[in-house]
Amino acid sequence: MAQIFMRVEEVAEELGVSIPYAYKLIKRLNDELAATGCITIAGRIDRKFFHEKFYGTRGEKNGSVQG
């Protein structure tokens, strides 16, 4: 079962960006979530929200992104 949150290392690897840039992306996404009243965790992002924002999907099935 996949973890609910992605850590910064996973975000950096998936997007092919540096760790510092991944932190900036996560902060931006977390700021967007916080504006809707969600509680966020620094350095982590909700997996479903991440995939929705970057790939236009709501989740994963069998480890592959559905689109």
N, C-alpha and C. Protein backbone atom coordinates (compact mmCIF):
# COMPACT_ATOMS: atom_id res chain seq x y z
N MET A 1 0.84 -1.19 0.00
CA MET A 1 0.00 0.00 0.00
C MET A 1 0.88 1.25 0.00
N ALA A 2 0.55 2.19 -0.85
CA ALA A 2 1.34 3.41 -0.96
C ALA A 2 1.11 4.32 0.24
N GLN A 3 2.13 5.05 0.61
CA GLN A 3 2.02 6.02 1.69
C GLN A 3 1.13 7.18 1.23
N ILE A 4 0.43 7.80 2.18
CA ILE A 4 -0.44 8.92 1.86
C ILE A 4 0.38 10.13 1.41
N PHE A 5 1.52 10.35 2.08
CA PHE A 5 2.34 11.52 1.77
C PHE A 5 3.61 11.14 1.02
N MET A 6 4.01 12.03 0.13
CA MET A 6 5.29 11.90 -0.55
C MET A 6 6.29 12.77 0.19
N ARG A 7 7.49 12.25 0.38
CA ARG A 7 8.56 13.05 0.99
C ARG A 7 9.32 13.77 -0.12
N VAL A 8 10.12 14.73 0.29
CA VAL A 8 10.81 15.59 -0.67
C VAL A 8 11.70 14.79 -1.62
N GLU A 9 12.35 13.74 -1.11
CA GLU A 9 13.23 12.94 -1.97
C GLU A 9 12.45 12.27 -3.10
N GLU A 10 11.26 11.79 -2.78
CA GLU A 10 10.43 11.14 -3.78
C GLU A 10 9.93 12.14 -4.83
N VAL A 11 9.55 13.32 -4.38
CA VAL A 11 9.11 14.37 -5.31
C VAL A 11 10.26 14.75 -6.25
N ALA A 12 11.45 14.95 -5.69
CA ALA A 12 12.62 15.32 -6.50
C ALA A 12 12.92 14.24 -7.54
N GLU A 13 12.87 12.98 -7.12
CA GLU A 13 13.17 11.89 -8.04
C GLU A 13 12.11 11.78 -9.13
N GLU A 14 10.85 11.87 -8.76
CA GLU A 14 9.77 11.72 -9.74
C GLU A 14 9.79 12.82 -10.79
N LEU A 15 10.13 14.05 -10.36
CA LEU A 15 10.12 15.18 -11.28
C LEU A 15 11.49 15.44 -11.91
N GLY A 16 12.53 14.79 -11.41
CA GLY A 16 13.87 15.00 -11.95
C GLY A 16 14.42 16.37 -11.61
N VAL A 17 14.13 16.83 -10.38
CA VAL A 17 14.61 18.14 -9.94
C VAL A 17 15.46 17.97 -8.69
N SER A 18 16.11 19.06 -8.28
CA SER A 18 16.95 19.02 -7.08
C SER A 18 16.08 18.98 -5.82
N ILE A 19 16.69 18.56 -4.72
CA ILE A 19 16.01 18.53 -3.43
C ILE A 19 15.54 19.94 -3.03
N PRO A 20 16.40 20.98 -3.13
CA PRO A 20 15.93 22.32 -2.76
C PRO A 20 14.73 22.79 -3.60
N TYR A 21 14.75 22.47 -4.89
CA TYR A 21 13.63 22.87 -5.74
C TYR A 21 12.37 22.08 -5.37
N ALA A 22 12.53 20.82 -5.04
CA ALA A 22 11.39 20.00 -4.61
C ALA A 22 10.77 20.59 -3.35
N TYR A 23 11.60 21.08 -2.42
CA TYR A 23 11.08 21.74 -1.22
C TYR A 23 10.23 22.96 -1.61
N LYS A 24 10.69 23.74 -2.58
CA LYS A 24 9.94 24.92 -3.01
C LYS A 24 8.60 24.51 -3.61
N LEU A 25 8.60 23.46 -4.42
CA LEU A 25 7.35 22.98 -5.01
C LEU A 25 6.38 22.49 -3.94
N ILE A 26 6.90 21.73 -2.99
CA ILE A 26 6.05 21.21 -1.91
C ILE A 26 5.47 22.37 -1.10
N LYS A 27 6.29 23.38 -0.80
CA LYS A 27 5.79 24.53 -0.05
C LYS A 27 4.67 25.22 -0.82
N ARG A 28 4.85 25.39 -2.10
CA ARG A 28 3.82 26.04 -2.93
C ARG A 28 2.52 25.23 -2.92
N LEU A 29 2.63 23.92 -3.07
CA LEU A 29 1.45 23.07 -3.05
C LEU A 29 0.80 23.06 -1.66
N ASN A 30 1.62 23.01 -0.61
CA ASN A 30 1.09 23.03 0.75
C ASN A 30 0.40 24.37 1.06
N ASP A 31 0.93 25.47 0.54
CA ASP A 31 0.29 26.76 0.73
C ASP A 31 -1.10 26.76 0.09
N GLU A 32 -1.20 26.14 -1.08
CA GLU A 32 -2.48 26.04 -1.77
C GLU A 32 -3.47 25.20 -0.95
N LEU A 33 -2.99 24.08 -0.40
CA LEU A 33 -3.84 23.24 0.43
C LEU A 33 -4.25 23.97 1.71
N ALA A 34 -3.32 24.67 2.33
CA ALA A 34 -3.60 25.39 3.58
C ALA A 34 -4.68 26.46 3.36
N ALA A 35 -4.68 27.07 2.19
CA ALA A 35 -5.67 28.11 1.89
C ALA A 35 -7.08 27.53 1.85
N THR A 36 -7.21 26.22 1.65
CA THR A 36 -8.53 25.57 1.63
C THR A 36 -8.91 25.04 3.00
N GLY A 37 -8.02 25.26 3.99
CA GLY A 37 -8.31 24.82 5.35
C GLY A 37 -7.68 23.49 5.72
N CYS A 38 -6.92 22.90 4.82
CA CYS A 38 -6.26 21.62 5.11
C CYS A 38 -5.05 21.84 6.01
N ILE A 39 -4.75 20.85 6.82
CA ILE A 39 -3.53 20.85 7.63
C ILE A 39 -2.43 20.24 6.78
N THR A 40 -1.26 20.86 6.76
CA THR A 40 -0.15 20.37 5.95
C THR A 40 1.05 20.04 6.83
N ILE A 41 1.98 19.29 6.26
CA ILE A 41 3.22 18.92 6.94
C ILE A 41 4.38 19.40 6.08
N ALA A 42 5.26 20.20 6.66
CA ALA A 42 6.40 20.73 5.92
C ALA A 42 7.25 19.59 5.36
N GLY A 43 7.64 19.71 4.10
CA GLY A 43 8.50 18.71 3.47
C GLY A 43 7.76 17.47 2.98
N ARG A 44 6.43 17.46 3.09
CA ARG A 44 5.63 16.34 2.60
C ARG A 44 4.41 16.89 1.89
N ILE A 45 3.93 16.13 0.91
CA ILE A 45 2.75 16.54 0.16
C ILE A 45 1.84 15.34 -0.03
N ASP A 46 0.54 15.59 0.03
CA ASP A 46 -0.43 14.53 -0.20
C ASP A 46 -0.22 13.95 -1.60
N ARG A 47 -0.09 12.65 -1.68
CA ARG A 47 0.21 11.96 -2.94
C ARG A 47 -0.86 12.21 -4.01
N LYS A 48 -2.12 12.11 -3.63
CA LYS A 48 -3.21 12.30 -4.60
C LYS A 48 -3.23 13.73 -5.11
N PHE A 49 -3.04 14.70 -4.21
CA PHE A 49 -3.02 16.10 -4.61
C PHE A 49 -1.85 16.37 -5.56
N PHE A 50 -0.69 15.81 -5.24
CA PHE A 50 0.50 15.97 -6.09
C PHE A 50 0.21 15.47 -7.50
N HIS A 51 -0.33 14.25 -7.62
CA HIS A 51 -0.60 13.68 -8.94
C HIS A 51 -1.68 14.45 -9.68
N GLU A 52 -2.66 14.96 -8.95
CA GLU A 52 -3.71 15.76 -9.57
C GLU A 52 -3.12 17.05 -10.16
N LYS A 53 -2.25 17.70 -9.41
CA LYS A 53 -1.68 18.96 -9.86
C LYS A 53 -0.68 18.79 -11.00
N PHE A 54 0.12 17.72 -10.97
CA PHE A 54 1.15 17.55 -11.99
C PHE A 54 0.71 16.72 -13.18
N TYR A 55 -0.22 15.82 -12.98
CA TYR A 55 -0.60 14.91 -14.07
C TYR A 55 -2.09 14.96 -14.39
N GLY A 56 -2.86 15.75 -13.65
CA GLY A 56 -4.29 15.86 -13.90
C GLY A 56 -5.06 14.61 -13.52
N THR A 57 -4.52 13.84 -12.57
CA THR A 57 -5.18 12.61 -12.13
C THR A 57 -5.49 12.71 -10.66
N ARG A 58 -6.34 11.83 -10.18
CA ARG A 58 -6.72 11.84 -8.78
C ARG A 58 -6.06 10.73 -7.99
N GLY A 59 -5.35 9.82 -8.61
CA GLY A 59 -4.73 8.75 -7.84
C GLY A 59 -3.94 7.80 -8.70
N GLU A 60 -3.48 6.74 -8.08
CA GLU A 60 -2.68 5.73 -8.75
C GLU A 60 -3.40 4.40 -8.64
N LYS A 61 -3.12 3.51 -9.59
CA LYS A 61 -3.65 2.16 -9.54
C LYS A 61 -2.53 1.23 -9.97
N ASN A 62 -2.23 0.26 -9.14
CA ASN A 62 -1.17 -0.71 -9.43
C ASN A 62 0.17 -0.04 -9.71
N GLY A 63 0.43 1.07 -9.02
CA GLY A 63 1.73 1.71 -9.13
C GLY A 63 1.92 2.60 -10.35
N SER A 64 0.94 2.65 -11.24
CA SER A 64 1.08 3.51 -12.41
C SER A 64 0.05 4.63 -12.35
N VAL A 65 0.41 5.77 -12.86
CA VAL A 65 -0.48 6.91 -12.83
C VAL A 65 -1.55 6.72 -13.92
N GLN A 66 -2.79 6.94 -13.54
CA GLN A 66 -3.88 6.83 -14.48
C GLN A 66 -4.12 8.19 -15.12
N GLY A 67 -4.40 8.23 -16.41
CA GLY A 67 -4.60 9.52 -17.05
C GLY A 67 -5.57 9.52 -18.14
